Protein backbone atom coordinates (compact mmCIF):
# COMPACT_ATOMS: atom_id res chain seq x y z
CA MET A 1 142.71 135.23 135.80
CA GLU A 2 145.14 138.04 136.69
CA ILE A 3 143.50 140.29 134.15
CA GLN A 4 140.04 139.56 135.47
CA ALA A 5 141.27 140.19 139.09
CA ASP A 6 142.81 143.70 138.22
CA SER A 7 139.53 144.67 136.69
CA HIS A 8 137.86 144.30 139.84
CA LEU A 9 140.13 146.33 142.19
CA GLN A 10 138.58 147.15 145.56
CA SER A 11 137.22 150.78 145.56
CA ARG A 12 136.11 151.00 149.21
CA ARG A 13 137.23 149.75 152.46
CA THR A 14 136.34 150.56 155.82
CA GLU A 15 139.50 150.93 157.03
CA LEU A 16 142.27 152.49 154.95
CA ALA A 17 145.68 153.77 155.25
CA GLN A 18 146.02 157.53 155.46
CA HIS A 19 147.76 157.89 152.17
CA GLU A 20 144.97 155.73 150.56
CA ARG A 21 142.26 158.07 151.95
CA ASP A 22 144.06 161.04 150.13
CA PHE A 23 143.66 159.32 146.75
CA ASP A 24 140.59 158.40 144.61
CA PRO A 25 140.20 154.73 143.67
CA LEU A 26 141.03 155.85 139.95
CA GLU A 27 144.31 157.51 141.17
CA PHE A 28 145.39 154.62 143.49
CA ASP A 29 145.11 150.90 142.91
CA ARG A 30 143.81 149.00 146.00
CA TYR A 31 144.74 145.27 145.94
CA THR A 32 142.83 142.38 147.69
CA ARG A 33 144.27 139.01 148.82
CA LEU A 34 142.97 137.68 145.29
CA GLN A 35 145.31 140.00 143.39
CA GLU A 36 148.17 138.89 145.45
CA LEU A 37 147.64 135.32 144.88
CA THR A 38 147.08 135.74 141.13
CA ARG A 39 150.38 137.82 140.97
CA MET A 40 152.06 134.92 142.82
CA MET A 41 150.61 132.25 140.40
CA ALA A 42 151.95 134.40 137.59
CA GLU A 43 155.42 134.67 138.96
CA GLY A 44 155.41 130.81 139.60
CA LEU A 45 154.38 130.13 136.08
CA ALA A 46 157.31 132.40 134.81
CA ASP A 47 159.72 130.44 137.02
CA VAL A 48 158.46 127.07 135.79
CA ALA A 49 158.88 128.27 132.05
CA SER A 50 162.34 129.36 132.75
CA LEU A 51 163.25 126.02 134.41
CA GLN A 52 161.60 124.36 131.25
CA GLN A 53 163.77 126.25 128.92
CA ALA A 54 166.71 125.30 131.11
CA LEU A 55 165.73 121.55 131.06
CA VAL A 56 165.29 121.51 127.36
CA LYS A 57 168.73 122.87 126.90
CA ASN A 58 170.28 120.34 129.29
CA VAL A 59 168.30 117.63 127.53
CA GLY A 60 169.75 118.58 124.19
CA GLU A 61 173.38 118.88 125.68
CA THR A 62 172.80 115.32 127.23
CA ASP A 63 171.51 113.86 123.74
CA ALA A 64 174.70 115.21 122.19
CA ALA A 65 176.76 113.70 124.95
CA LEU A 66 174.99 110.28 124.65
CA LEU A 67 175.43 110.28 120.81
CA ALA A 68 179.13 111.15 121.30
CA GLN A 69 179.48 108.39 123.81
CA ALA A 70 177.86 105.95 121.51
CA ARG A 71 180.19 106.85 118.79
CA ILE A 72 183.27 106.42 120.98
CA GLY A 73 181.80 103.15 122.30
CA ARG A 74 181.61 101.97 118.61
CA GLU A 75 184.98 102.94 117.83
CA LEU A 76 186.29 101.33 120.82
CA GLN A 77 184.35 98.10 120.18
CA GLN A 78 185.68 98.04 116.55
CA ASP A 79 189.37 98.63 117.78
CA LEU A 80 189.04 95.85 120.35
CA MET A 81 187.60 93.40 117.40
CA ARG A 82 190.55 94.50 115.36
CA MET A 83 193.05 93.59 118.21
CA ARG A 84 191.29 90.07 118.56
CA ALA A 85 191.43 89.62 114.79
CA VAL A 86 194.19 87.60 113.26
CA PRO A 87 194.67 86.48 109.56
CA PHE A 88 193.77 82.71 108.87
CA ALA A 89 197.24 82.55 107.15
CA ASN A 90 198.74 82.33 110.72
CA LEU A 91 197.71 78.68 110.48
CA GLY A 92 199.28 78.14 106.95
CA GLU A 93 202.64 76.80 108.02
CA ARG A 94 201.13 74.37 110.51
CA LEU A 95 198.75 73.03 107.94
CA GLN A 96 201.26 72.82 105.35
CA ARG A 97 203.63 70.78 107.55
CA LEU A 98 200.61 68.53 108.54
CA VAL A 99 200.03 67.64 104.95
CA ARG A 100 203.56 67.09 104.21
CA GLN A 101 204.06 64.84 107.29
CA THR A 102 200.87 62.82 106.71
CA GLY A 103 201.68 62.32 103.01
CA ARG A 104 205.14 60.93 103.97
CA GLU A 105 203.45 58.46 106.46
CA LEU A 106 200.95 57.22 103.80
CA GLY A 107 203.50 57.42 100.84
CA ARG A 108 201.07 59.75 99.06
CA SER A 109 201.81 63.04 97.42
CA ALA A 110 199.52 66.01 97.92
CA GLU A 111 199.75 69.80 97.81
CA LEU A 112 197.70 72.27 100.06
CA ALA A 113 196.55 75.51 98.43
CA ILE A 114 195.06 78.26 100.73
CA GLU A 115 193.25 81.11 99.17
CA GLY A 116 191.84 84.11 101.14
CA GLY A 117 194.47 83.56 103.79
CA GLN A 118 194.13 87.34 104.54
CA VAL A 119 190.59 86.98 105.71
CA GLU A 120 190.73 87.74 109.55
CA LEU A 121 188.92 85.90 112.33
CA ASP A 122 188.63 86.04 115.99
CA ARG A 123 191.45 84.76 117.89
CA GLY A 124 189.27 82.36 119.87
CA VAL A 125 187.61 81.16 116.62
CA LEU A 126 191.04 80.49 114.96
CA GLU A 127 192.31 78.51 117.91
CA ARG A 128 189.09 76.36 118.15
CA ILE A 129 189.06 75.49 114.54
CA ALA A 130 192.65 74.31 114.24
CA ALA A 131 192.06 70.88 115.62
CA PRO A 132 188.96 70.16 113.21
CA LEU A 133 190.87 71.37 110.18
CA GLU A 134 193.90 69.13 110.95
CA HIS A 135 191.39 66.36 111.12
CA LEU A 136 189.64 67.26 107.84
CA LEU A 137 193.22 67.41 106.20
CA ARG A 138 194.30 63.93 107.47
CA ASN A 139 190.75 62.51 106.25
CA SER A 140 191.45 63.99 102.89
CA LEU A 141 194.84 62.13 102.71
CA VAL A 142 193.69 58.85 104.24
CA HIS A 143 190.34 58.59 102.71
CA GLY A 144 190.13 60.79 99.76
CA ILE A 145 193.54 61.34 97.91
CA GLU A 146 194.39 58.05 96.14
CA ASP A 147 197.90 56.52 95.67
CA ALA A 148 199.87 57.20 92.51
CA PRO A 149 198.93 54.25 90.45
CA ALA A 150 195.20 54.81 91.31
CA ARG A 151 195.29 58.33 90.33
CA ALA A 152 197.28 57.61 87.01
CA ALA A 153 194.58 55.05 86.29
CA ALA A 154 191.85 57.68 86.75
CA GLY A 155 193.78 60.14 84.56
CA LYS A 156 194.66 62.63 87.46
CA PRO A 157 197.91 64.29 88.24
CA ALA A 158 200.23 62.30 90.38
CA ALA A 159 200.15 64.79 93.25
CA GLY A 160 196.78 65.33 94.85
CA ARG A 161 195.38 68.62 95.55
CA ILE A 162 193.80 69.95 98.83
CA GLY A 163 192.26 73.45 98.80
CA ILE A 164 191.19 75.62 101.52
CA SER A 165 189.42 78.94 100.48
CA LEU A 166 187.94 81.60 102.77
CA ARG A 167 185.54 84.43 102.28
CA GLN A 168 183.52 86.75 104.37
CA GLU A 169 179.69 86.95 104.05
CA ALA A 170 178.02 89.29 106.28
CA ASN A 171 178.95 88.51 110.03
CA GLU A 172 180.09 84.93 108.96
CA VAL A 173 183.35 83.49 107.50
CA VAL A 174 182.92 80.73 104.99
CA LEU A 175 185.63 78.20 104.99
CA VAL A 176 185.80 75.60 102.28
CA VAL A 177 187.85 72.51 102.48
CA SER A 178 188.04 70.39 99.26
CA ASP A 179 190.07 67.70 97.66
CA ASP A 180 190.31 66.01 94.15
CA GLY A 181 190.40 62.37 95.72
CA ALA A 182 188.08 59.49 95.43
CA GLY A 183 185.09 61.00 97.24
CA LEU A 184 182.88 59.42 99.86
CA ASP A 185 182.13 55.68 99.12
CA LEU A 186 178.28 55.95 100.05
CA GLU A 187 177.72 52.19 99.70
CA ARG A 188 180.32 51.40 102.12
CA LEU A 189 179.18 54.02 104.56
CA ARG A 190 175.80 52.46 104.36
CA ALA A 191 177.08 48.86 104.89
CA LYS A 192 178.99 50.11 107.98
CA ALA A 193 176.07 51.84 109.38
CA ILE A 194 174.01 48.76 109.11
CA GLU A 195 176.82 46.64 110.56
CA LYS A 196 177.05 49.04 113.54
CA GLY A 197 173.24 48.87 114.03
CA LEU A 198 172.86 52.53 113.27
CA LEU A 199 170.71 51.90 110.10
CA SER A 200 168.32 49.13 109.28
CA ALA A 201 168.87 47.06 106.17
CA GLU A 202 165.25 47.79 105.04
CA GLN A 203 165.93 51.55 104.86
CA ALA A 204 166.73 53.23 101.75
CA PRO A 205 168.35 56.56 102.49
CA SER A 206 168.90 59.14 99.57
CA GLU A 207 172.35 60.30 98.66
CA SER A 208 172.23 63.40 100.76
CA GLU A 209 171.23 61.42 103.62
CA GLN A 210 174.01 58.76 103.21
CA VAL A 211 176.49 61.68 103.01
CA GLN A 212 175.42 62.70 106.56
CA LEU A 213 176.46 59.29 107.75
CA VAL A 214 180.04 60.50 108.08
CA PHE A 215 179.13 62.40 111.16
CA LEU A 216 177.78 59.42 113.06
CA SER A 217 179.84 58.44 116.10
CA GLY A 218 181.51 55.00 115.89
CA LEU A 219 181.41 54.91 112.14
CA SER A 220 184.50 54.57 109.92
CA THR A 221 185.19 53.28 106.49
CA ALA A 222 188.93 52.58 107.28
CA GLY A 223 189.87 48.90 106.99
CA THR A 224 192.22 48.80 109.96
CA VAL A 225 192.42 51.02 113.14
CA THR A 226 195.58 53.10 112.95
CA GLU A 227 197.01 56.24 114.44
CA LEU A 228 195.35 58.35 111.61
CA ALA A 229 192.11 56.66 111.11
CA GLY A 230 189.64 53.66 111.91
CA ARG A 231 188.29 54.79 115.36
CA GLY A 232 185.24 56.54 114.13
CA VAL A 233 185.18 59.26 116.32
CA GLY A 234 186.71 62.07 114.30
CA MET A 235 183.88 63.61 112.24
CA ASP A 236 181.61 63.50 115.19
CA VAL A 237 184.12 65.49 117.24
CA VAL A 238 184.64 67.88 114.35
CA ARG A 239 180.91 68.80 113.96
CA THR A 240 180.50 69.04 117.74
CA GLU A 241 183.54 71.44 118.04
CA ILE A 242 182.24 73.63 115.28
CA GLN A 243 178.85 73.79 116.54
CA SER A 244 180.01 74.80 120.04
CA ILE A 245 181.24 78.10 118.60
CA GLY A 246 178.05 78.78 116.78
CA GLY A 247 178.97 77.41 113.36
CA ARG A 248 177.87 74.75 111.19
CA ILE A 249 179.31 72.31 108.58
CA GLU A 250 178.08 70.95 105.29
CA VAL A 251 179.49 68.29 103.07
CA THR A 252 179.08 67.35 99.38
CA SER A 253 180.82 64.56 97.42
CA ALA A 254 181.08 63.31 94.12
CA ARG A 255 182.38 59.80 93.48
CA GLY A 256 185.81 59.86 91.84
CA ARG A 257 185.93 63.73 91.79
CA GLY A 258 186.36 64.61 95.43
CA THR A 259 184.77 65.83 98.73
CA THR A 260 183.82 69.28 99.86
CA PHE A 261 183.27 70.44 103.42
CA THR A 262 181.84 73.93 103.82
CA ILE A 263 182.16 75.49 107.32
CA TYR A 264 180.33 78.66 108.37
CA LEU A 265 181.98 80.44 111.29
CA PRO A 266 181.08 83.45 113.18
CA LEU A 267 183.16 86.35 112.74
CA THR A 268 183.71 86.81 116.27
CA LEU A 269 182.91 85.08 119.62
CA ALA A 270 182.72 88.37 121.45
CA VAL A 271 179.85 90.04 119.87
CA THR A 272 177.08 88.25 117.95
CA GLN A 273 173.74 89.33 116.31
CA THR A 274 170.77 87.58 117.65
CA VAL A 275 166.99 87.46 117.38
CA MET A 276 165.29 87.80 120.67
CA VAL A 277 162.16 85.68 121.25
CA ARG A 278 159.82 84.94 124.05
CA ALA A 279 158.76 81.33 125.08
CA GLY A 280 156.22 81.41 127.82
CA PRO A 281 154.92 84.35 129.93
CA SER A 282 158.46 85.36 131.18
CA SER A 283 161.12 83.27 129.51
CA VAL A 284 163.19 85.21 126.98
CA VAL A 285 165.84 83.51 124.86
CA ALA A 286 168.10 84.49 122.02
CA LEU A 287 168.84 82.73 118.70
CA SER A 288 171.76 83.40 116.53
CA SER A 289 170.65 85.38 113.49
CA ALA A 290 173.16 83.74 111.30
CA ASN A 291 171.06 80.33 111.72
CA VAL A 292 167.78 82.00 111.14
CA GLU A 293 166.70 81.62 107.43
CA GLN A 294 163.39 82.96 107.39
CA VAL A 295 160.53 84.32 109.68
CA LEU A 296 157.04 83.37 109.02
CA ARG A 297 153.66 85.00 110.23
CA ILE A 298 151.15 82.25 110.08
CA LYS A 299 147.45 82.26 110.88
CA ALA A 300 146.11 79.92 113.55
CA GLU A 301 144.11 77.61 111.13
CA ALA A 302 147.41 77.21 108.91
CA LEU A 303 149.45 76.48 112.03
CA VAL A 304 147.35 73.87 113.40
CA SER A 305 147.40 71.98 109.95
CA HIS A 306 151.22 72.23 109.88
CA TYR A 307 151.12 70.61 113.54
CA GLU A 308 149.07 67.91 112.39
CA ALA A 309 151.54 67.40 109.37
CA GLY A 310 154.47 67.70 111.71
CA HIS A 311 156.41 69.94 109.44
CA ILE A 312 156.33 73.28 107.43
CA GLU A 313 157.09 73.15 103.51
CA PHE A 314 159.23 76.17 102.45
CA GLN A 315 160.82 76.45 99.00
CA GLY A 316 160.55 72.88 98.52
CA ARG A 317 162.16 71.75 101.85
CA PRO A 318 160.45 70.22 104.83
CA TYR A 319 161.11 71.90 108.34
CA PRO A 320 160.05 69.82 111.34
CA LEU A 321 157.88 71.93 113.36
CA HIS A 322 158.56 72.52 117.13
CA TYR A 323 157.19 74.58 119.87
CA LEU A 324 160.16 76.41 121.60
CA ARG A 325 158.60 76.38 125.10
CA GLN A 326 158.41 72.51 124.94
CA LEU A 327 161.94 72.41 123.52
CA LEU A 328 163.10 74.17 126.61
CA GLY A 329 161.49 71.66 128.87
CA GLY A 330 158.04 73.36 129.56
CA ARG A 331 155.00 71.10 129.90
CA ALA A 332 152.37 73.66 128.86
CA ALA A 333 150.17 73.02 125.84
CA THR A 334 150.90 74.69 122.47
CA ASP A 335 149.60 78.24 122.54
CA ILE A 336 148.15 79.26 119.22
CA GLN A 337 147.22 82.75 118.68
CA PRO A 338 145.33 84.49 115.74
CA TYR A 339 148.60 85.19 114.26
CA ASN A 340 151.85 83.19 115.22
CA MET A 341 155.64 83.67 114.58
CA VAL A 342 157.42 80.80 113.24
CA LEU A 343 161.26 80.92 112.68
CA LEU A 344 162.92 78.67 110.12
CA VAL A 345 166.31 77.75 111.46
CA ARG A 346 169.19 75.88 109.85
CA SER A 347 172.37 74.48 111.38
CA GLY A 348 174.46 72.60 108.92
CA ALA A 349 172.34 70.11 107.06
CA HIS A 350 169.75 70.15 109.83
CA ARG A 351 166.47 72.50 109.55
CA VAL A 352 163.67 72.96 112.09
CA ALA A 353 160.76 75.21 112.33
CA VAL A 354 160.36 76.90 115.60
CA HIS A 355 157.02 78.17 116.85
CA VAL A 356 157.65 81.04 119.37
CA ASP A 357 155.06 83.00 121.50
CA GLU A 358 156.44 86.56 120.55
CA LEU A 359 159.26 87.93 118.34
CA LEU A 360 161.07 90.73 120.44
CA GLY A 361 163.45 91.90 117.47
CA ASN A 362 167.06 91.85 116.72
CA ARG A 363 169.87 92.83 119.14
CA GLU A 364 173.73 92.80 118.96
CA MET A 365 175.06 90.90 122.21
CA VAL A 366 178.19 90.87 123.91
CA VAL A 367 178.59 87.04 124.52
CA LYS A 368 179.62 86.22 128.09
CA ASN A 369 181.36 82.94 129.31
CA ILE A 370 178.82 80.64 130.71
CA GLY A 371 181.34 78.53 132.57
CA PRO A 372 182.12 74.75 132.65
CA GLN A 373 178.73 73.85 134.15
CA LEU A 374 176.79 75.05 131.02
CA ALA A 375 179.74 74.66 128.38
CA ARG A 376 178.84 71.22 127.33
CA MET A 377 175.18 71.41 127.66
CA PRO A 378 173.67 70.71 124.18
CA GLY A 379 171.64 73.49 122.80
CA VAL A 380 173.23 76.25 124.83
CA ALA A 381 175.65 78.35 122.71
CA GLY A 382 176.23 81.19 125.16
CA ALA A 383 174.63 83.96 127.39
CA THR A 384 174.37 87.65 127.74
CA VAL A 385 173.34 90.23 130.16
CA LEU A 386 170.55 92.74 129.24
CA PRO A 387 170.76 96.40 130.13
CA ASP A 388 168.11 95.88 132.93
CA GLY A 389 170.46 93.07 134.44
CA ALA A 390 168.43 89.98 133.13
CA ILE A 391 170.36 86.98 131.96
CA VAL A 392 169.44 85.75 128.32
CA LEU A 393 170.64 82.38 127.10
CA ILE A 394 171.62 82.01 123.58
CA VAL A 395 170.26 78.79 122.29
CA ASN A 396 170.44 76.48 119.14
CA PRO A 397 167.02 75.10 118.53
CA VAL A 398 168.21 72.57 116.07
CA GLN A 399 170.14 70.73 118.83
CA LEU A 400 167.28 71.11 121.30
CA ALA A 401 165.14 69.34 118.71
CA GLU A 402 167.53 66.49 118.31
CA ILE A 403 167.54 65.87 122.10
CA ALA A 404 163.83 65.95 122.11
CA ARG A 405 163.81 63.26 119.41
CA GLY A 406 165.57 60.84 121.74
CA PRO A 407 169.10 60.21 122.96
CA MET A 408 169.80 57.68 120.14
CA LEU A 409 169.35 60.24 117.50
CA ARG A 410 171.51 62.92 118.93
CA THR A 411 174.44 62.47 116.46
CA ALA A 412 172.29 61.38 113.59
CA THR A 413 171.01 63.36 110.48
CA PRO A 414 167.31 64.32 111.00
CA GLU A 415 166.20 62.52 107.94
CA LEU A 416 167.14 59.23 109.35
CA SER A 417 164.32 58.79 111.75
CA THR A 418 164.17 55.01 112.45
CA ARG A 419 166.87 53.08 114.19
CA SER A 420 167.70 49.73 115.54
CA THR A 421 166.39 49.25 119.11
CA ARG A 422 169.65 47.78 120.27
CA PRO A 423 170.22 48.83 123.89
CA ALA A 424 172.90 51.24 124.63
CA PRO A 425 176.26 49.71 126.06
CA LEU A 426 176.55 49.39 129.72
CA VAL A 427 179.55 51.23 131.42
CA MET A 428 180.73 50.67 134.98
CA VAL A 429 182.76 53.42 136.71
CA VAL A 430 184.64 52.15 139.63
CA ASP A 431 186.14 55.09 141.74
CA ASP A 432 186.13 55.88 145.46
CA SER A 433 185.58 59.51 144.57
CA LEU A 434 181.90 60.51 144.48
CA THR A 435 182.60 63.50 142.35
CA VAL A 436 184.42 61.34 139.68
CA ARG A 437 181.68 58.92 139.67
CA LYS A 438 179.11 61.71 139.02
CA ILE A 439 180.96 63.54 136.45
CA THR A 440 182.14 60.53 134.48
CA GLY A 441 178.51 59.09 134.72
CA ARG A 442 176.91 62.22 133.51
CA LEU A 443 179.39 62.51 130.60
CA LEU A 444 178.64 58.85 129.41
CA GLU A 445 174.80 59.17 129.86
CA ARG A 446 174.96 62.48 127.80
CA GLU A 447 176.63 60.45 125.03
CA GLY A 448 174.09 57.67 125.02
CA TYR A 449 175.52 55.16 127.36
CA ARG A 450 174.06 53.28 130.32
CA VAL A 451 176.11 53.74 133.41
CA LEU A 452 176.66 51.71 136.67
CA THR A 453 178.97 53.05 139.46
CA ALA A 454 180.79 51.44 142.27
CA LYS A 455 182.70 52.89 145.18
CA ASP A 456 185.45 50.09 145.28
CA GLY A 457 186.42 46.74 143.78
CA LEU A 458 184.19 44.72 146.18
CA ASP A 459 181.17 46.79 145.26
CA ALA A 460 182.05 46.34 141.56
CA LEU A 461 182.19 42.67 141.87
CA GLU A 462 179.06 42.44 143.83
CA GLN A 463 177.08 44.48 141.05
CA MET A 464 178.55 42.30 138.21
CA LYS A 465 176.85 39.21 139.59
CA GLY A 466 173.74 40.65 137.74
CA GLU A 467 174.34 42.16 134.46
CA LEU A 468 177.73 42.38 133.07
CA PRO A 469 179.20 45.83 131.82
CA ALA A 470 180.49 46.22 128.27
CA ILE A 471 183.46 48.14 129.64
CA LEU A 472 185.07 48.86 132.91
CA LEU A 473 186.47 52.27 134.19
CA VAL A 474 188.67 51.48 137.08
CA ASP A 475 190.64 53.80 139.42
CA ILE A 476 193.88 52.18 141.24
CA GLU A 477 193.77 53.44 144.71
CA MET A 478 190.41 52.48 146.35
CA PRO A 479 189.52 51.20 149.82
CA ARG A 480 188.90 47.44 150.49
CA MET A 481 189.85 46.51 147.06
CA ASP A 482 192.01 48.49 144.79
CA GLY A 483 192.07 48.74 140.86
CA PHE A 484 194.88 46.12 140.57
CA ASP A 485 193.15 43.47 142.68
CA LEU A 486 189.97 44.20 140.80
CA ALA A 487 191.60 43.60 137.35
CA ARG A 488 193.07 40.28 138.70
CA ASN A 489 189.72 39.16 139.82
CA VAL A 490 188.05 40.14 136.53
CA ARG A 491 190.60 38.40 134.39
CA GLY A 492 190.57 35.18 136.74
CA ASP A 493 186.74 34.84 136.19
CA PRO A 494 185.71 33.02 133.01
CA ARG A 495 182.60 34.89 133.04
CA THR A 496 184.14 38.45 133.20
CA MET A 497 187.76 37.71 131.65
CA ASP A 498 186.63 39.27 128.22
CA ILE A 499 185.36 42.69 129.53
CA PRO A 500 187.56 45.54 128.50
CA ILE A 501 189.16 47.55 131.26
CA VAL A 502 190.42 51.15 131.23
CA MET A 503 192.46 52.15 134.13
CA ILE A 504 192.02 55.96 135.14
CA SER A 505 194.45 57.18 137.70
CA SER A 506 196.82 60.00 138.46
CA ARG A 507 199.43 57.40 139.26
CA THR A 508 201.18 57.29 135.79
CA ALA A 509 204.68 56.07 136.49
CA PRO A 510 206.02 53.35 134.33
CA LYS A 511 205.89 50.91 137.29
CA HIS A 512 202.06 51.40 137.47
CA ARG A 513 201.61 51.10 133.88
CA SER A 514 203.66 47.90 133.58
CA ARG A 515 201.82 46.40 136.39
CA ALA A 516 198.34 47.29 134.74
CA GLU A 517 199.74 45.59 131.34
CA GLU A 518 200.61 42.52 133.45
CA LEU A 519 196.95 42.14 134.60
CA GLY A 520 195.60 42.47 131.10
CA VAL A 521 194.41 46.22 131.26
CA ASN A 522 193.39 47.19 127.84
CA ALA A 523 194.14 50.99 128.18
CA PHE A 524 195.68 53.38 130.72
CA LEU A 525 194.69 56.89 131.11
CA GLY A 526 196.18 59.50 133.37
CA LYS A 527 194.28 62.14 135.40
CA PRO A 528 193.16 64.71 134.34
CA PHE A 529 192.09 63.28 131.02
CA GLN A 530 190.33 64.82 127.84
CA GLU A 531 186.64 63.92 127.41
CA SER A 532 187.24 63.17 123.83
CA GLU A 533 190.18 60.72 124.75
CA LEU A 534 188.08 58.74 127.24
CA LEU A 535 185.26 58.52 124.69
CA ALA A 536 187.44 57.27 121.94
CA GLN A 537 188.80 54.56 124.19
CA ILE A 538 185.20 53.51 125.21
CA VAL A 539 184.07 53.51 121.59
CA ALA A 540 187.16 51.38 120.38
CA LEU A 541 187.02 48.86 123.20
CA SER A 542 183.12 48.47 123.42
CA ARG A 543 182.60 47.34 119.85
CA PRO A 544 181.41 43.69 119.47
């Protein structure tokens, strides 16, 4: 435009300056407004070009700064992870002492061998697995390692051997606890399950299904209840604690040769690798990558046939099929696209196939504390915050599938799908605090119990005119009728005198305890109490 404008310079004008009149048009250029505008446009373009070059230079410098920042961030994160990491050998002396002490109490000889003690775990993981490991070692001595005569008859050394080995696989630590004892008595496990109503006599579970019975709550093969065994709550608590930190546990056993527990633990609780998926129009959740075995892309016709069958066969194993949006509580119908994403998820011996609306990819996440309100919610393993500020929950679809199958199947192996229809035990909570009644009631309902609540002793007696509870949880200090008077009335009535009573109070002086024993109270718990301790008492006292 500038060239064309310059080629059409004005040669004549009616009014010209004096110096312009003295020059010929070929000797003196005369510019119009058009030439001025084109020159201004050319200058503006030159300025824009120089700004562009400056911006390109700044973008390059910014990219270099971002790369340096990312490198510093990774180094800082690795340093922090190393600060949180501690060797497993820190637990060695504690576990050795436990084996020696338990062996002395039982009159059995056993040695503990630890391999791979130099493997480092997150400090939080190590603290959380200490108690489950102690229970596994006690079980090995109580149920697994035989006494000296029995070992001699079986041709085994007099001293039993318990081994703990660790190795790191990708972003997981594999911890194996094994012994050379008698192994699991599967027939006794099945008989106990039938006796407790957890399994019908007509069922014929396979060997792998019978092994999973050890994780059922209330099931124990011990002949008598002692401080070390017999209450039937240990292995259920072990599996729950391991799953709460994103791990899983497997068990194998050979009769007469021993039992092996294989525990898969996350390398750290601070950072985890996840698979981001979409469930519904706007709901985004994350699944732990360690639990995802395979991702399948299935056509609509094939997915419909899988839904009709109820499962997906992969490498000879059945995976029960679920729609993630429905597992999360949605009521929408299954949305089937021309091509659908299905994730095969495994947690311990449990496997499910999860149909998701969209697969968003992998992401490394910093796990945030979800607080006490969500900490015990089944299926929620943690949460994280995305760069845009959105909060995403890290869920375990296996636990969500167990909840969807019904409250009576939450602690059972998925293969044992039929159970007795015996009603759940009824527990009455008597406390003048509304908060205590709600919290305790929700805890018991989550564990499969039916719950009645009463605000004081008179209210409890009035409600017991109908259905009698299997167990009473009673506070001491209440208006109208306190816990001592309620216990006296319950024990004095032939209709209610056999109901077990657990007294829960912050009044734990010897005088209060002795008064409770005189009235026939079965157990006394001080506030605050551990949930596992309360559940253990309820399981022990509510047995028929």
